[in-house]
Amino acid sequence: MILPILSALADPTRLEAIRLLSDGGEHCVCELMRRVGATQSRMSRHMQVLKQAGLVLDRRDAQWVRYRVNPDLSPEVRAVLDAVCHAAQSAQRSAA
């Protein structure tokens, strides 16, 4: 169960997307692609991987697709997600 999640988070683009989504809100692909610096097709593919891993849920809103972290994650998966996001944020601050 953890291996698909870690595989999904192994890509820097997906890791950054999940880190942005970890604020608890919903974000559209257009916002994620702007903040991550990815094309629409690339961002959509990455979000599909996160969705298949069960980490995010999507909601269609007219022509937009909005994503959020899956609120039904098990406590163990949530702890892994929080730890990975925290480590990524710390690494980003250290690199700056």
PDB file of N, CA and C in Angstrom:
ATOM      1  N   MET A   1       0.816  -1.203   0.000  1.00  0.00           N
ATOM      2  CA  MET A   1       0.000   0.000   0.000  1.00  0.00           C
ATOM      3  C   MET A   1       0.858   1.267   0.000  1.00  0.00           C
ATOM      4  N   ILE A   2       1.953   1.274   0.729  1.00  0.00           N
ATOM      5  CA  ILE A   2       2.808   2.461   0.808  1.00  0.00           C
ATOM      6  C   ILE A   2       3.662   2.623  -0.451  1.00  0.00           C
ATOM      7  N   LEU A   3       4.064   1.510  -1.091  1.00  0.00           N
ATOM      8  CA  LEU A   3       4.936   1.594  -2.261  1.00  0.00           C
ATOM      9  C   LEU A   3       4.344   2.425  -3.393  1.00  0.00           C
ATOM     10  N   PRO A   4       3.069   2.235  -3.793  1.00  0.00           N
ATOM     11  CA  PRO A   4       2.515   3.097  -4.848  1.00  0.00           C
ATOM     12  C   PRO A   4       2.489   4.572  -4.448  1.00  0.00           C
ATOM     13  N   ILE A   5       2.297   4.828  -3.174  1.00  0.00           N
ATOM     14  CA  ILE A   5       2.259   6.211  -2.697  1.00  0.00           C
ATOM     15  C   ILE A   5       3.646   6.836  -2.786  1.00  0.00           C
ATOM     16  N   LEU A   6       4.651   6.101  -2.321  1.00  0.00           N
ATOM     17  CA  LEU A   6       6.013   6.619  -2.399  1.00  0.00           C
ATOM     18  C   LEU A   6       6.454   6.770  -3.847  1.00  0.00           C
ATOM     19  N   SER A   7       6.058   5.843  -4.711  1.00  0.00           N
ATOM     20  CA  SER A   7       6.383   5.955  -6.138  1.00  0.00           C
ATOM     21  C   SER A   7       5.750   7.204  -6.731  1.00  0.00           C
ATOM     22  N   ALA A   8       4.503   7.474  -6.360  1.00  0.00           N
ATOM     23  CA  ALA A   8       3.822   8.668  -6.872  1.00  0.00           C
ATOM     24  C   ALA A   8       4.501   9.943  -6.393  1.00  0.00           C
ATOM     25  N   LEU A   9       5.023   9.923  -5.176  1.00  0.00           N
ATOM     26  CA  LEU A   9       5.669  11.119  -4.615  1.00  0.00           C
ATOM     27  C   LEU A   9       7.129  11.253  -5.018  1.00  0.00           C
ATOM     28  N   ALA A  10       7.681  10.251  -5.697  1.00  0.00           N
ATOM     29  CA  ALA A  10       9.104  10.269  -6.052  1.00  0.00           C
ATOM     30  C   ALA A  10       9.434  11.303  -7.116  1.00  0.00           C
ATOM     31  N   ASP A  11       8.461  11.720  -7.889  1.00  0.00           N
ATOM     32  CA  ASP A  11       8.707  12.709  -8.944  1.00  0.00           C
ATOM     33  C   ASP A  11       8.638  14.119  -8.357  1.00  0.00           C
ATOM     34  N   PRO A  12       9.612  14.971  -8.652  1.00  0.00           N
ATOM     35  CA  PRO A  12       9.617  16.328  -8.082  1.00  0.00           C
ATOM     36  C   PRO A  12       8.378  17.153  -8.412  1.00  0.00           C
ATOM     37  N   THR A  13       7.826  16.995  -9.602  1.00  0.00           N
ATOM     38  CA  THR A  13       6.627  17.756  -9.966  1.00  0.00           C
ATOM     39  C   THR A  13       5.434  17.311  -9.140  1.00  0.00           C
ATOM     40  N   ARG A  14       5.268  16.001  -8.995  1.00  0.00           N
ATOM     41  CA  ARG A  14       4.152  15.499  -8.191  1.00  0.00           C
ATOM     42  C   ARG A  14       4.338  15.850  -6.722  1.00  0.00           C
ATOM     43  N   LEU A  15       5.557  15.782  -6.246  1.00  0.00           N
ATOM     44  CA  LEU A  15       5.826  16.135  -4.854  1.00  0.00           C
ATOM     45  C   LEU A  15       5.477  17.595  -4.596  1.00  0.00           C
ATOM     46  N   GLU A  16       5.855  18.470  -5.512  1.00  0.00           N
ATOM     47  CA  GLU A  16       5.526  19.890  -5.346  1.00  0.00           C
ATOM     48  C   GLU A  16       4.016  20.111  -5.422  1.00  0.00           C
ATOM     49  N   ALA A  17       3.342  19.403  -6.311  1.00  0.00           N
ATOM     50  CA  ALA A  17       1.889  19.539  -6.423  1.00  0.00           C
ATOM     51  C   ALA A  17       1.208  19.111  -5.130  1.00  0.00           C
ATOM     52  N   ILE A  18       1.619  17.983  -4.581  1.00  0.00           N
ATOM     53  CA  ILE A  18       0.988  17.506  -3.344  1.00  0.00           C
ATOM     54  C   ILE A  18       1.325  18.435  -2.179  1.00  0.00           C
ATOM     55  N   ARG A  19       2.511  19.010  -2.208  1.00  0.00           N
ATOM     56  CA  ARG A  19       2.882  19.973  -1.168  1.00  0.00           C
ATOM     57  C   ARG A  19       1.967  21.205  -1.246  1.00  0.00           C
ATOM     58  N   LEU A  20       1.686  21.665  -2.456  1.00  0.00           N
ATOM     59  CA  LEU A  20       0.786  22.811  -2.625  1.00  0.00           C
ATOM     60  C   LEU A  20      -0.631  22.459  -2.193  1.00  0.00           C
ATOM     61  N   LEU A  21      -1.066  21.247  -2.497  1.00  0.00           N
ATOM     62  CA  LEU A  21      -2.414  20.815  -2.120  1.00  0.00           C
ATOM     63  C   LEU A  21      -2.547  20.561  -0.624  1.00  0.00           C
ATOM     64  N   SER A  22      -1.444  20.372   0.053  1.00  0.00           N
ATOM     65  CA  SER A  22      -1.502  20.052   1.484  1.00  0.00           C
ATOM     66  C   SER A  22      -1.965  21.235   2.330  1.00  0.00           C
ATOM     67  N   ASP A  23      -2.234  22.382   1.702  1.00  0.00           N
ATOM     68  CA  ASP A  23      -2.788  23.509   2.454  1.00  0.00           C
ATOM     69  C   ASP A  23      -4.258  23.291   2.806  1.00  0.00           C
ATOM     70  N   GLY A  24      -4.834  22.195   2.291  1.00  0.00           N
ATOM     71  CA  GLY A  24      -6.214  21.856   2.618  1.00  0.00           C
ATOM     72  C   GLY A  24      -7.244  22.392   1.650  1.00  0.00           C
ATOM     73  N   GLY A  25      -6.818  23.188   0.698  1.00  0.00           N
ATOM     74  CA  GLY A  25      -7.763  23.755  -0.257  1.00  0.00           C
ATOM     75  C   GLY A  25      -7.841  22.970  -1.547  1.00  0.00           C
ATOM     76  N   GLU A  26      -8.706  23.448  -2.426  1.00  0.00           N
ATOM     77  CA  GLU A  26      -8.818  22.901  -3.777  1.00  0.00           C
ATOM     78  C   GLU A  26      -8.044  23.815  -4.717  1.00  0.00           C
ATOM     79  N   HIS A  27      -7.365  23.208  -5.672  1.00  0.00           N
ATOM     80  CA  HIS A  27      -6.591  23.977  -6.635  1.00  0.00           C
ATOM     81  C   HIS A  27      -6.841  23.438  -8.027  1.00  0.00           C
ATOM     82  N   CYS A  28      -7.025  24.337  -8.989  1.00  0.00           N
ATOM     83  CA  CYS A  28      -7.246  23.910 -10.365  1.00  0.00           C
ATOM     84  C   CYS A  28      -5.899  23.605 -11.023  1.00  0.00           C
ATOM     85  N   VAL A  29      -5.969  22.844 -12.100  1.00  0.00           N
ATOM     86  CA  VAL A  29      -4.760  22.476 -12.830  1.00  0.00           C
ATOM     87  C   VAL A  29      -4.013  23.726 -13.273  1.00  0.00           C
ATOM     88  N   CYS A  30      -4.753  24.757 -13.702  1.00  0.00           N
ATOM     89  CA  CYS A  30      -4.096  25.974 -14.184  1.00  0.00           C
ATOM     90  C   CYS A  30      -3.242  26.619 -13.091  1.00  0.00           C
ATOM     91  N   GLU A  31      -3.737  26.619 -11.871  1.00  0.00           N
ATOM     92  CA  GLU A  31      -2.962  27.176 -10.758  1.00  0.00           C
ATOM     93  C   GLU A  31      -1.743  26.314 -10.450  1.00  0.00           C
ATOM     94  N   LEU A  32      -1.946  25.005 -10.412  1.00  0.00           N
ATOM     95  CA  LEU A  32      -0.830  24.101 -10.131  1.00  0.00           C
ATOM     96  C   LEU A  32       0.245  24.212 -11.201  1.00  0.00           C
ATOM     97  N   MET A  33      -0.156  24.247 -12.468  1.00  0.00           N
ATOM     98  CA  MET A  33       0.839  24.324 -13.535  1.00  0.00           C
ATOM     99  C   MET A  33       1.613  25.642 -13.484  1.00  0.00           C
ATOM    100  N   ARG A  34       0.941  26.712 -13.120  1.00  0.00           N
ATOM    101  CA  ARG A  34       1.635  28.010 -13.003  1.00  0.00           C
ATOM    102  C   ARG A  34       2.645  27.973 -11.867  1.00  0.00           C
ATOM    103  N   ARG A  35       2.247  27.427 -10.732  1.00  0.00           N
ATOM    104  CA  ARG A  35       3.118  27.422  -9.554  1.00  0.00           C
ATOM    105  C   ARG A  35       4.246  26.405  -9.660  1.00  0.00           C
ATOM    106  N   VAL A  36       3.997  25.315 -10.385  1.00  0.00           N
ATOM    107  CA  VAL A  36       5.011  24.269 -10.528  1.00  0.00           C
ATOM    108  C   VAL A  36       5.880  24.506 -11.758  1.00  0.00           C
ATOM    109  N   GLY A  37       5.339  25.236 -12.735  1.00  0.00           N
ATOM    110  CA  GLY A  37       6.083  25.491 -13.965  1.00  0.00           C
ATOM    111  C   GLY A  37       5.986  24.342 -14.951  1.00  0.00           C
ATOM    112  N   ALA A  38       4.787  23.785 -15.093  1.00  0.00           N
ATOM    113  CA  ALA A  38       4.568  22.651 -15.990  1.00  0.00           C
ATOM    114  C   ALA A  38       3.506  23.011 -17.018  1.00  0.00           C
ATOM    115  N   THR A  39       3.530  22.321 -18.151  1.00  0.00           N
ATOM    116  CA  THR A  39       2.485  22.506 -19.151  1.00  0.00           C
ATOM    117  C   THR A  39       1.207  21.848 -18.661  1.00  0.00           C
ATOM    118  N   GLN A  40       0.093  22.185 -19.295  1.00  0.00           N
ATOM    119  CA  GLN A  40      -1.196  21.635 -18.893  1.00  0.00           C
ATOM    120  C   GLN A  40      -1.220  20.113 -19.049  1.00  0.00           C
ATOM    121  N   SER A  41      -0.737  19.612 -20.162  1.00  0.00           N
ATOM    122  CA  SER A  41      -0.779  18.165 -20.382  1.00  0.00           C
ATOM    123  C   SER A  41       0.130  17.431 -19.399  1.00  0.00           C
ATOM    124  N   ARG A  42       1.295  17.990 -19.125  1.00  0.00           N
ATOM    125  CA  ARG A  42       2.224  17.370 -18.166  1.00  0.00           C
ATOM    126  C   ARG A  42       1.624  17.378 -16.755  1.00  0.00           C
ATOM    127  N   MET A  43       1.034  18.503 -16.370  1.00  0.00           N
ATOM    128  CA  MET A  43       0.449  18.602 -15.034  1.00  0.00           C
ATOM    129  C   MET A  43      -0.723  17.640 -14.889  1.00  0.00           C
ATOM    130  N   SER A  44      -1.543  17.547 -15.911  1.00  0.00           N
ATOM    131  CA  SER A  44      -2.678  16.631 -15.863  1.00  0.00           C
ATOM    132  C   SER A  44      -2.221  15.185 -15.724  1.00  0.00           C
ATOM    133  N   ARG A  45      -1.162  14.814 -16.436  1.00  0.00           N
ATOM    134  CA  ARG A  45      -0.629  13.450 -16.314  1.00  0.00           C
ATOM    135  C   ARG A  45      -0.135  13.189 -14.901  1.00  0.00           C
ATOM    136  N   HIS A  46       0.583  14.147 -14.324  1.00  0.00           N
ATOM    137  CA  HIS A  46       1.084  13.988 -12.958  1.00  0.00           C
ATOM    138  C   HIS A  46      -0.058  13.887 -11.953  1.00  0.00           C
ATOM    139  N   MET A  47      -1.099  14.672 -12.153  1.00  0.00           N
ATOM    140  CA  MET A  47      -2.230  14.625 -11.234  1.00  0.00           C
ATOM    141  C   MET A  47      -2.962  13.292 -11.354  1.00  0.00           C
ATOM    142  N   GLN A  48      -2.983  12.720 -12.548  1.00  0.00           N
ATOM    143  CA  GLN A  48      -3.608  11.407 -12.729  1.00  0.00           C
ATOM    144  C   GLN A  48      -2.854  10.346 -11.936  1.00  0.00           C
ATOM    145  N   VAL A  49      -1.528  10.432 -11.897  1.00  0.00           N
ATOM    146  CA  VAL A  49      -0.733   9.482 -11.112  1.00  0.00           C
ATOM    147  C   VAL A  49      -1.062   9.620  -9.631  1.00  0.00           C
ATOM    148  N   LEU A  50      -1.153  10.851  -9.151  1.00  0.00           N
ATOM    149  CA  LEU A  50      -1.498  11.081  -7.742  1.00  0.00           C
ATOM    150  C   LEU A  50      -2.910  10.578  -7.427  1.00  0.00           C
ATOM    151  N   LYS A  51      -3.819  10.749  -8.375  1.00  0.00           N
ATOM    152  CA  LYS A  51      -5.186  10.273  -8.194  1.00  0.00           C
ATOM    153  C   LYS A  51      -5.220   8.742  -8.164  1.00  0.00           C
ATOM    154  N   GLN A  52      -4.499   8.101  -9.066  1.00  0.00           N
ATOM    155  CA  GLN A  52      -4.462   6.631  -9.099  1.00  0.00           C
ATOM    156  C   GLN A  52      -3.852   6.060  -7.824  1.00  0.00           C
ATOM    157  N   ALA A  53      -2.933   6.798  -7.212  1.00  0.00           N
ATOM    158  CA  ALA A  53      -2.329   6.358  -5.953  1.00  0.00           C
ATOM    159  C   ALA A  53      -3.269   6.596  -4.770  1.00  0.00           C
ATOM    160  N   GLY A  54      -4.387   7.280  -5.019  1.00  0.00           N
ATOM    161  CA  GLY A  54      -5.365   7.537  -3.964  1.00  0.00           C
ATOM    162  C   GLY A  54      -5.049   8.749  -3.112  1.00  0.00           C
ATOM    163  N   LEU A  55      -4.066   9.547  -3.528  1.00  0.00           N
ATOM    164  CA  LEU A  55      -3.652  10.696  -2.722  1.00  0.00           C
ATOM    165  C   LEU A  55      -4.527  11.928  -2.925  1.00  0.00           C
ATOM    166  N   VAL A  56      -5.100  12.067  -4.102  1.00  0.00           N
ATOM    167  CA  VAL A  56      -5.908  13.252  -4.393  1.00  0.00           C
ATOM    168  C   VAL A  56      -7.253  12.850  -4.977  1.00  0.00           C
ATOM    169  N   LEU A  57      -8.203  13.755  -4.847  1.00  0.00           N
ATOM    170  CA  LEU A  57      -9.516  13.634  -5.472  1.00  0.00           C
ATOM    171  C   LEU A  57      -9.674  14.805  -6.425  1.00  0.00           C
ATOM    172  N   ASP A  58     -10.454  14.600  -7.477  1.00  0.00           N
ATOM    173  CA  ASP A  58     -10.704  15.695  -8.408  1.00  0.00           C
ATOM    174  C   ASP A  58     -12.194  15.984  -8.475  1.00  0.00           C
ATOM    175  N   ARG A  59     -12.480  17.194  -8.914  1.00  0.00           N
ATOM    176  CA  ARG A  59     -13.862  17.645  -9.072  1.00  0.00           C
ATOM    177  C   ARG A  59     -13.921  18.538 -10.290  1.00  0.00           C
ATOM    178  N   ARG A  60     -14.822  18.204 -11.207  1.00  0.00           N
ATOM    179  CA  ARG A  60     -14.980  19.027 -12.406  1.00  0.00           C
ATOM    180  C   ARG A  60     -15.857  20.222 -12.058  1.00  0.00           C
ATOM    181  N   ASP A  61     -15.391  21.400 -12.466  1.00  0.00           N
ATOM    182  CA  ASP A  61     -16.094  22.654 -12.225  1.00  0.00           C
ATOM    183  C   ASP A  61     -16.110  23.406 -13.557  1.00  0.00           C
ATOM    184  N   ALA A  62     -17.191  23.184 -14.341  1.00  0.00           N
ATOM    185  CA  ALA A  62     -17.290  23.695 -15.709  1.00  0.00           C
ATOM    186  C   ALA A  62     -16.108  23.145 -16.510  1.00  0.00           C
ATOM    187  N   GLN A  63     -15.253  24.008 -17.063  1.00  0.00           N
ATOM    188  CA  GLN A  63     -14.110  23.523 -17.847  1.00  0.00           C
ATOM    189  C   GLN A  63     -12.884  23.246 -16.977  1.00  0.00           C
ATOM    190  N   TRP A  64     -12.944  23.543 -15.701  1.00  0.00           N
ATOM    191  CA  TRP A  64     -11.811  23.366 -14.805  1.00  0.00           C
ATOM    192  C   TRP A  64     -11.898  22.034 -14.071  1.00  0.00           C
ATOM    193  N   VAL A  65     -10.745  21.504 -13.746  1.00  0.00           N
ATOM    194  CA  VAL A  65     -10.678  20.344 -12.856  1.00  0.00           C
ATOM    195  C   VAL A  65      -9.937  20.806 -11.619  1.00  0.00           C
ATOM    196  N   ARG A  66     -10.553  20.634 -10.484  1.00  0.00           N
ATOM    197  CA  ARG A  66      -9.965  21.052  -9.215  1.00  0.00           C
ATOM    198  C   ARG A  66      -9.555  19.820  -8.418  1.00  0.00           C
ATOM    199  N   TYR A  67      -8.399  19.923  -7.783  1.00  0.00           N
ATOM    200  CA  TYR A  67      -7.844  18.807  -7.017  1.00  0.00           C
ATOM    201  C   TYR A  67      -7.703  19.193  -5.554  1.00  0.00           C
ATOM    202  N   ARG A  68      -7.782  18.174  -4.705  1.00  0.00           N
ATOM    203  CA  ARG A  68      -7.541  18.355  -3.279  1.00  0.00           C
ATOM    204  C   ARG A  68      -6.985  17.037  -2.742  1.00  0.00           C
ATOM    205  N   VAL A  69      -6.312  17.127  -1.602  1.00  0.00           N
ATOM    206  CA  VAL A  69      -5.813  15.923  -0.960  1.00  0.00           C
ATOM    207  C   VAL A  69      -7.019  15.095  -0.518  1.00  0.00           C
ATOM    208  N   ASN A  70      -6.931  13.803  -0.711  1.00  0.00           N
ATOM    209  CA  ASN A  70      -8.001  12.894  -0.329  1.00  0.00           C
ATOM    210  C   ASN A  70      -8.202  12.961   1.192  1.00  0.00           C
ATOM    211  N   PRO A  71      -9.379  13.396   1.650  1.00  0.00           N
ATOM    212  CA  PRO A  71      -9.598  13.511   3.095  1.00  0.00           C
ATOM    213  C   PRO A  71      -9.748  12.155   3.796  1.00  0.00           C
ATOM    214  N   ASP A  72      -9.911  11.095   3.031  1.00  0.00           N
ATOM    215  CA  ASP A  72     -10.109   9.767   3.617  1.00  0.00           C
ATOM    216  C   ASP A  72      -8.826   8.940   3.693  1.00  0.00           C
ATOM    217  N   LEU A  73      -7.674   9.591   3.608  1.00  0.00           N
ATOM    218  CA  LEU A  73      -6.413   8.859   3.739  1.00  0.00           C
ATOM    219  C   LEU A  73      -6.322   8.253   5.137  1.00  0.00           C
ATOM    220  N   SER A  74      -5.747   7.073   5.208  1.00  0.00           N
ATOM    221  CA  SER A  74      -5.557   6.451   6.517  1.00  0.00           C
ATOM    222  C   SER A  74      -4.567   7.293   7.326  1.00  0.00           C
ATOM    223  N   PRO A  75      -4.598   7.192   8.638  1.00  0.00           N
ATOM    224  CA  PRO A  75      -3.648   7.948   9.457  1.00  0.00           C
ATOM    225  C   PRO A  75      -2.191   7.633   9.097  1.00  0.00           C
ATOM    226  N   GLU A  76      -1.922   6.382   8.740  1.00  0.00           N
ATOM    227  CA  GLU A  76      -0.542   6.006   8.378  1.00  0.00           C
ATOM    228  C   GLU A  76      -0.110   6.689   7.083  1.00  0.00           C
ATOM    229  N   VAL A  77      -0.987   6.683   6.085  1.00  0.00           N
ATOM    230  CA  VAL A  77      -0.665   7.332   4.810  1.00  0.00           C
ATOM    231  C   VAL A  77      -0.563   8.835   5.012  1.00  0.00           C
ATOM    232  N   ARG A  78      -1.448   9.395   5.812  1.00  0.00           N
ATOM    233  CA  ARG A  78      -1.399  10.837   6.086  1.00  0.00           C
ATOM    234  C   ARG A  78      -0.080  11.207   6.765  1.00  0.00           C
ATOM    235  N   ALA A  79       0.389  10.357   7.681  1.00  0.00           N
ATOM    236  CA  ALA A  79       1.661  10.612   8.361  1.00  0.00           C
ATOM    237  C   ALA A  79       2.826  10.571   7.370  1.00  0.00           C
ATOM    238  N   VAL A  80       2.801   9.621   6.442  1.00  0.00           N
ATOM    239  CA  VAL A  80       3.840   9.542   5.415  1.00  0.00           C
ATOM    240  C   VAL A  80       3.796  10.791   4.547  1.00  0.00           C
ATOM    241  N   LEU A  81       2.607  11.172   4.121  1.00  0.00           N
ATOM    242  CA  LEU A  81       2.441  12.357   3.283  1.00  0.00           C
ATOM    243  C   LEU A  81       2.941  13.611   3.997  1.00  0.00           C
ATOM    244  N   ASP A  82       2.571  13.773   5.246  1.00  0.00           N
ATOM    245  CA  ASP A  82       3.017  14.935   6.021  1.00  0.00           C
ATOM    246  C   ASP A  82       4.537  14.946   6.163  1.00  0.00           C
ATOM    247  N   ALA A  83       5.133  13.780   6.433  1.00  0.00           N
ATOM    248  CA  ALA A  83       6.590  13.697   6.598  1.00  0.00           C
ATOM    249  C   ALA A  83       7.308  14.027   5.299  1.00  0.00           C
ATOM    250  N   VAL A  84       6.810  13.503   4.183  1.00  0.00           N
ATOM    251  CA  VAL A  84       7.441  13.760   2.885  1.00  0.00           C
ATOM    252  C   VAL A  84       7.325  15.239   2.522  1.00  0.00           C
ATOM    253  N   CYS A  85       6.153  15.827   2.744  1.00  0.00           N
ATOM    254  CA  CYS A  85       5.964  17.254   2.449  1.00  0.00           C
ATOM    255  C   CYS A  85       6.862  18.120   3.331  1.00  0.00           C
ATOM    256  N   HIS A  86       6.963  17.768   4.608  1.00  0.00           N
ATOM    257  CA  HIS A  86       7.821  18.515   5.527  1.00  0.00           C
ATOM    258  C   HIS A  86       9.285  18.415   5.094  1.00  0.00           C
ATOM    259  N   ALA A  87       9.721  17.231   4.721  1.00  0.00           N
ATOM    260  CA  ALA A  87      11.110  17.046   4.272  1.00  0.00           C
ATOM    261  C   ALA A  87      11.382  17.819   2.993  1.00  0.00           C
ATOM    262  N   ALA A  88      10.444  17.829   2.071  1.00  0.00           N
ATOM    263  CA  ALA A  88      10.610  18.563   0.818  1.00  0.00           C
ATOM    264  C   ALA A  88      10.687  20.066   1.069  1.00  0.00           C
ATOM    265  N   GLN A  89       9.848  20.539   1.979  1.00  0.00           N
ATOM    266  CA  GLN A  89       9.869  21.960   2.311  1.00  0.00           C
ATOM    267  C   GLN A  89      11.175  22.346   2.998  1.00  0.00           C
ATOM    268  N   SER A  90      11.665  21.509   3.880  1.00  0.00           N
ATOM    269  CA  SER A  90      12.938  21.772   4.549  1.00  0.00           C
ATOM    270  C   SER A  90      14.086  21.771   3.564  1.00  0.00           C
ATOM    271  N   ALA A  91      14.083  20.832   2.639  1.00  0.00           N
ATOM    272  CA  ALA A  91      15.129  20.767   1.619  1.00  0.00           C
ATOM    273  C   ALA A  91      15.097  21.990   0.723  1.00  0.00           C
ATOM    274  N   GLN A  92      13.887  22.463   0.404  1.00  0.00           N
ATOM    275  CA  GLN A  92      13.736  23.644  -0.439  1.00  0.00           C
ATOM    276  C   GLN A  92      14.295  24.878   0.273  1.00  0.00           C
ATOM    277  N   ARG A  93      14.029  24.995   1.571  1.00  0.00           N
ATOM    278  CA  ARG A  93      14.553  26.147   2.342  1.00  0.00           C
ATOM    279  C   ARG A  93      16.070  26.085   2.446  1.00  0.00           C
ATOM    280  N   SER A  94      16.607  24.909   2.626  1.00  0.00           N
ATOM    281  CA  SER A  94      18.068  24.739   2.736  1.00  0.00           C
ATOM    282  C   SER A  94      18.767  25.085   1.443  1.00  0.00           C
ATOM    283  N   ALA A  95      18.117  24.789   0.313  1.00  0.00           N
ATOM    284  CA  ALA A  95      18.713  25.053  -0.990  1.00  0.00           C
ATOM    285  C   ALA A  95      18.688  26.547  -1.329  1.00  0.00           C
ATOM    286  N   ALA A  96      17.790  27.292  -0.701  1.00  0.00           N
ATOM    287  CA  ALA A  96      17.640  28.729  -1.023  1.00  0.00           C
ATOM    288  C   ALA A  96      18.699  29.576  -0.367  1.00  0.00           C
TER     289      ALA A  96
END
